[in-house]
């Protein structure tokens, strides 16, 4: 769960688990991956929301009658007209999940759920591990790919649109050709697999690296992805939740190196 703000109407319509649970143990379904919806307990979400609200009351506010400061994001509670409930600072309504999410970053289509206060660390680690795996695969295949492409160019010639199939510089066979080959021989040529897999892993490595750097920069500045996109185009804007680079990272990942690189449950600093 990213951490949700439980509206009154959601409590009234919540699904009660089969063991005859009380209202505090009511369970609701949100998002989910591969058509499997996640189940969250209302009581736990309410406690998490209250704790988050308590932590955000310590936001740095430097305002007086003579000095009016423009804060982004606002350190004050807001009201959601769609959920019809008050919500803590930095909470935003997700039009897909139809719920307000604590410290809303974005709605991720790959996990079919929101990224927010309670799962942002896991999301960043997911990007890091995917990038690491793709980089490892790219390094393992790079030498064989270069040798294979050199031999292929010597044998067939190097043409922009491909020497045999006309599908580009990699000259990959079209799907129907691959299917025919698999039906006839029961396998696909290793060179074809290498020409397809290596560029794919290289492309993913670059994409994940760009995503990771973007999120690390946001963490360093104390912003979420949404807050960064909606930042006013002014130089006098103050972020009351910016604690400095070190403390911003500790707030997300914790103050232990093991907590940063290993995806184990941890309680980060508020």
Protein backbone atom coordinates (compact mmCIF):
# COMPACT_ATOMS: atom_id res chain seq x y z
CA UNK A 1 0.00 0.00 0.00
CA UNK A 2 1.28 3.49 -0.79
CA UNK A 3 -0.55 4.83 2.25
CA UNK A 4 -4.07 6.08 1.65
CA UNK A 5 -6.34 8.62 3.30
CA UNK A 6 -9.45 6.70 4.31
CA UNK A 7 -12.58 8.72 3.44
CA UNK A 8 -15.78 8.20 5.47
CA UNK A 9 -17.68 6.77 2.50
CA UNK A 10 -15.00 4.12 2.01
CA UNK A 11 -15.35 2.94 5.59
CA UNK A 12 -19.09 2.53 5.10
CA UNK A 13 -18.70 0.40 1.97
CA UNK A 14 -15.60 -1.56 2.99
CA UNK A 15 -15.52 -5.32 2.54
CA UNK A 16 -15.53 -7.18 5.86
CA UNK A 17 -13.32 -10.27 5.94
CA UNK A 18 -14.89 -13.69 6.25
CA UNK A 19 -13.88 -14.21 9.87
CA UNK A 20 -16.51 -11.77 11.11
CA UNK A 21 -14.07 -8.95 11.68
CA UNK A 22 -14.99 -5.71 13.32
CA UNK A 23 -15.25 -2.41 11.53
CA UNK A 24 -11.62 -1.58 12.42
CA UNK A 25 -10.46 -4.72 10.56
CA UNK A 26 -12.40 -3.91 7.40
CA UNK A 27 -10.53 -4.64 4.19
CA UNK A 28 -10.68 -2.73 0.91
CA UNK A 29 -9.19 -3.57 -2.48
CA UNK A 30 -7.05 -1.12 -4.43
CA UNK A 31 -4.97 -1.37 -7.59
CA UNK A 32 -2.86 -4.50 -8.03
CA UNK A 33 -0.64 -6.17 -10.59
CA UNK A 34 -1.75 -8.60 -13.31
CA UNK A 35 -5.45 -8.08 -12.49
CA UNK A 36 -4.82 -9.10 -8.84
CA UNK A 37 -6.08 -6.30 -6.62
CA UNK A 38 -4.22 -5.39 -3.43
CA UNK A 39 -6.01 -5.69 -0.09
CA UNK A 40 -5.43 -3.09 2.61
CA UNK A 41 -6.84 -2.82 6.13
CA UNK A 42 -8.68 0.38 6.90
CA UNK A 43 -7.51 0.48 10.51
CA UNK A 44 -3.84 0.22 9.51
CA UNK A 45 -4.26 2.88 6.83
CA UNK A 46 -5.96 5.20 9.32
CA UNK A 47 -3.11 4.76 11.81
CA UNK A 48 -0.53 5.36 9.08
CA UNK A 49 -2.34 8.51 7.98
CA UNK A 50 -2.48 9.84 11.54
CA UNK A 51 1.22 9.12 12.06
CA UNK A 52 2.12 10.81 8.79
CA UNK A 53 0.03 13.86 9.71
CA UNK A 54 1.83 14.07 13.05
CA UNK A 55 5.24 13.87 11.35
CA UNK A 56 4.46 16.56 8.78
CA UNK A 57 3.50 19.08 11.46
CA UNK A 58 7.24 19.65 11.96
CA UNK A 59 7.61 21.15 8.48
CA UNK A 60 9.82 24.22 8.35
CA UNK A 61 7.59 27.30 8.27
CA UNK A 62 9.13 30.77 8.10
CA UNK A 63 6.25 33.16 7.76
CA UNK A 64 5.29 36.34 9.52
CA UNK A 65 2.95 39.24 8.94
CA UNK A 66 5.76 41.21 7.24
CA UNK A 67 7.19 38.30 5.24
CA UNK A 68 4.75 36.24 3.20
CA UNK A 69 6.43 33.09 1.91
CA UNK A 70 5.18 30.99 -1.02
CA UNK A 71 5.38 27.33 -0.02
CA UNK A 72 5.34 24.42 -2.41
CA UNK A 73 4.08 21.96 -1.41
CA UNK A 74 1.83 23.56 1.16
CA UNK A 75 2.49 22.54 4.80
CA UNK A 76 -1.24 22.82 5.59
CA UNK A 77 -3.96 20.21 5.45
CA UNK A 78 -6.16 20.25 2.37
CA UNK A 79 -9.68 19.11 1.56
CA UNK A 80 -10.50 16.64 -1.21
CA UNK A 81 -13.88 17.38 -2.80
CA UNK A 82 -13.95 13.96 -4.50
CA UNK A 83 -13.32 11.95 -1.33
CA UNK A 84 -15.12 14.56 0.78
CA UNK A 85 -12.53 14.42 3.55
CA UNK A 86 -9.61 16.36 5.01
CA UNK A 87 -6.17 15.05 4.13
CA UNK A 88 -2.63 15.64 5.42
CA UNK A 89 -0.13 17.84 3.55
CA UNK A 90 1.33 16.46 0.30
CA UNK A 91 -1.64 14.13 -0.21
CA UNK A 92 -3.25 14.04 -3.64
CA UNK A 93 -6.21 12.31 -5.24
CA UNK A 94 -5.50 9.57 -7.77
CA UNK A 95 -8.13 9.56 -10.51
CA UNK A 96 -7.37 5.90 -11.32
CA UNK A 97 -7.46 4.44 -7.80
CA UNK A 98 -10.11 7.02 -6.81
CA UNK A 99 -8.40 7.54 -3.45
CA UNK A 100 -6.18 10.15 -1.83
CA UNK A 101 -2.62 8.93 -1.40
CA UNK A 102 -0.13 10.13 1.22
CA UNK A 103 2.85 11.90 -0.37
CA UNK A 104 1.53 10.94 -3.82
CA UNK A 105 4.31 10.52 -6.39
CA UNK A 106 2.54 9.01 -9.40
CA UNK A 107 0.32 6.13 -10.51
CA UNK A 108 2.52 3.37 -11.91
CA UNK A 109 0.90 1.38 -14.76
CA UNK A 110 3.46 -1.44 -14.42
CA UNK A 111 2.29 -2.37 -10.93
CA UNK A 112 -1.20 -0.94 -11.48
CA UNK A 113 -1.04 1.06 -8.29
CA UNK A 114 0.02 4.34 -6.72
CA UNK A 115 3.51 5.17 -5.53
CA UNK A 116 3.44 7.14 -2.32
CA UNK A 117 4.74 7.57 1.20
CA UNK A 118 4.68 3.90 2.23
CA UNK A 119 6.10 2.25 -0.91
CA UNK A 120 8.30 4.88 -2.57
CA UNK A 121 11.50 3.32 -1.22
CA UNK A 122 10.52 -0.08 -2.61
CA UNK A 123 9.74 1.49 -5.98
CA UNK A 124 13.13 3.20 -6.23
CA UNK A 125 14.86 -0.04 -5.23
CA UNK A 126 12.85 -1.87 -7.91
CA UNK A 127 14.18 0.55 -10.56
CA UNK A 128 17.71 0.08 -9.20
CA UNK A 129 17.55 -3.73 -9.29
CA UNK A 130 16.01 -3.81 -12.77
CA UNK A 131 18.77 -1.49 -13.99
CA UNK A 132 21.41 -3.62 -12.27
CA UNK A 133 20.06 -6.82 -13.84
CA UNK A 134 19.87 -5.28 -17.31
CA UNK A 135 23.39 -3.85 -17.01
CA UNK A 136 24.69 -7.26 -15.95
CA UNK A 137 23.03 -8.94 -18.93
CA UNK A 138 24.33 -6.24 -21.27
CA UNK A 139 27.91 -6.67 -20.04
CA UNK A 140 27.69 -10.46 -20.34
CA UNK A 141 26.45 -10.31 -23.95
CA UNK A 142 28.42 -7.32 -25.23
CA UNK A 143 31.49 -9.24 -26.37
CA UNK A 144 29.53 -11.98 -28.14
CA UNK A 145 27.26 -9.38 -29.76
CA UNK A 146 30.21 -7.42 -31.19
CA UNK A 147 31.86 -10.59 -32.54
CA UNK A 148 28.59 -11.81 -34.04
CA UNK A 149 27.79 -8.47 -35.71
CA UNK A 150 31.31 -8.27 -37.13
CA UNK A 151 31.00 -11.74 -38.63
CA UNK A 152 27.48 -10.99 -39.90
CA UNK A 153 28.66 -7.78 -41.59
CA UNK A 154 31.59 -9.62 -43.19
CA UNK A 155 29.30 -12.34 -44.50
CA UNK A 156 26.26 -10.29 -45.63
CA UNK A 157 27.52 -6.73 -45.66
CA UNK A 158 26.41 -3.89 -43.34
CA UNK A 159 23.35 -2.06 -44.62
CA UNK A 160 21.14 0.43 -42.79
CA UNK A 161 17.93 -1.48 -43.66
CA UNK A 162 19.49 -4.94 -43.29
CA UNK A 163 21.12 -7.23 -45.80
CA UNK A 164 18.60 -10.10 -45.70
CA UNK A 165 15.27 -9.18 -44.12
CA UNK A 166 15.17 -5.39 -44.54
CA UNK A 167 14.07 -4.79 -40.95
CA UNK A 168 16.84 -2.42 -39.89
CA UNK A 169 20.52 -2.47 -39.06
CA UNK A 170 20.06 -5.51 -36.78
CA UNK A 171 18.35 -7.31 -39.68
CA UNK A 172 16.01 -9.29 -37.42
CA UNK A 173 13.68 -11.77 -39.15
CA UNK A 174 9.96 -10.86 -39.04
CA UNK A 175 7.80 -12.81 -36.55
CA UNK A 176 6.25 -15.10 -39.21
CA UNK A 177 9.74 -16.14 -40.35
CA UNK A 178 10.74 -16.93 -36.78
CA UNK A 179 7.55 -18.93 -36.26
CA UNK A 180 8.17 -20.93 -39.44
CA UNK A 181 11.77 -21.61 -38.39
CA UNK A 182 10.66 -22.75 -34.95
CA UNK A 183 8.06 -25.12 -36.41
CA UNK A 184 10.62 -26.63 -38.81
CA UNK A 185 13.64 -26.93 -36.52
CA UNK A 186 12.18 -26.65 -33.01
CA UNK A 187 14.52 -23.77 -32.15
CA UNK A 188 15.48 -20.22 -33.06
CA UNK A 189 18.99 -19.37 -34.23
CA UNK A 190 21.24 -18.17 -31.39
CA UNK A 191 22.47 -15.20 -33.44
CA UNK A 192 18.91 -13.97 -33.90
CA UNK A 193 18.25 -14.20 -30.17
CA UNK A 194 21.48 -12.35 -29.43
CA UNK A 195 20.66 -9.57 -31.93
CA UNK A 196 17.27 -9.10 -30.26
CA UNK A 197 18.15 -9.49 -26.56
CA UNK A 198 21.32 -7.38 -26.35
CA UNK A 199 19.81 -4.13 -27.75
CA UNK A 200 16.70 -4.67 -25.64
CA UNK A 201 18.73 -5.01 -22.42
CA UNK A 202 20.88 -2.03 -23.38
CA UNK A 203 17.79 0.09 -24.02
CA UNK A 204 16.24 -0.94 -20.68
CA UNK A 205 19.49 -0.22 -18.85
CA UNK A 206 19.58 3.32 -20.22
CA UNK A 207 15.89 3.93 -19.46
CA UNK A 208 16.15 2.62 -15.90
CA UNK A 209 19.30 4.66 -15.32
CA UNK A 210 17.52 7.85 -16.45
CA UNK A 211 14.49 7.04 -14.26
CA UNK A 212 16.71 6.30 -11.26
CA UNK A 213 18.69 9.52 -11.59
CA UNK A 214 15.46 11.52 -11.93
CA UNK A 215 14.01 10.04 -8.73
CA UNK A 216 17.27 10.42 -6.80
CA UNK A 217 17.37 14.10 -7.78
CA UNK A 218 13.77 14.49 -6.58
CA UNK A 219 14.63 12.84 -3.25
CA UNK A 220 17.65 15.11 -2.81
CA UNK A 221 15.44 18.18 -3.29
CA UNK A 222 12.63 16.85 -1.09
CA UNK A 223 10.02 16.71 -3.85
CA UNK A 224 7.79 14.02 -5.29
CA UNK A 225 7.38 13.61 -9.04
CA UNK A 226 4.02 15.41 -8.98
CA UNK A 227 5.33 18.25 -6.82
CA UNK A 228 8.28 18.74 -9.15
CA UNK A 229 5.99 18.93 -12.19
CA UNK A 230 3.64 21.42 -10.51
CA UNK A 231 6.43 23.58 -9.08
CA UNK A 232 5.68 27.28 -9.69
CA UNK A 233 8.01 29.00 -12.13
CA UNK A 234 9.40 31.35 -9.50
CA UNK A 235 12.68 31.65 -7.61
CA UNK A 236 11.21 32.58 -4.22
CA UNK A 237 9.35 29.28 -3.65
CA UNK A 238 10.23 27.48 -0.41
CA UNK A 239 9.87 23.74 0.15
CA UNK A 240 9.02 23.34 3.86
CA UNK A 241 9.76 19.60 3.69
CA UNK A 242 13.30 19.97 2.37
CA UNK A 243 15.55 18.85 5.24
CA UNK A 244 18.82 18.87 3.31
CA UNK A 245 20.22 16.21 0.99
CA UNK A 246 21.42 13.81 3.69
CA UNK A 247 18.26 13.91 5.78
CA UNK A 248 16.06 13.73 2.69
CA UNK A 249 17.74 10.45 1.71
CA UNK A 250 17.56 9.15 5.29
CA UNK A 251 13.85 9.93 5.36
CA UNK A 252 13.26 7.67 2.34
CA UNK A 253 15.88 4.94 2.75
CA UNK A 254 16.79 5.03 6.43
CA UNK A 255 20.22 5.71 7.90
CA UNK A 256 21.68 2.23 7.38
CA UNK A 257 23.58 1.13 4.26
CA UNK A 258 21.93 -2.30 4.48
CA UNK A 259 18.50 -0.68 4.38
CA UNK A 260 19.48 1.25 1.26
CA UNK A 261 20.66 -1.67 -0.88
CA UNK A 262 18.65 -4.60 0.50
CA UNK A 263 14.82 -4.62 0.17
CA UNK A 264 13.97 -5.52 3.76
CA UNK A 265 11.19 -3.86 5.78
CA UNK A 266 12.46 -0.77 7.57
CA UNK A 267 11.09 2.23 9.41
CA UNK A 268 12.54 5.31 7.76
CA UNK A 269 13.03 8.59 9.51
CA UNK A 270 10.07 10.95 9.46
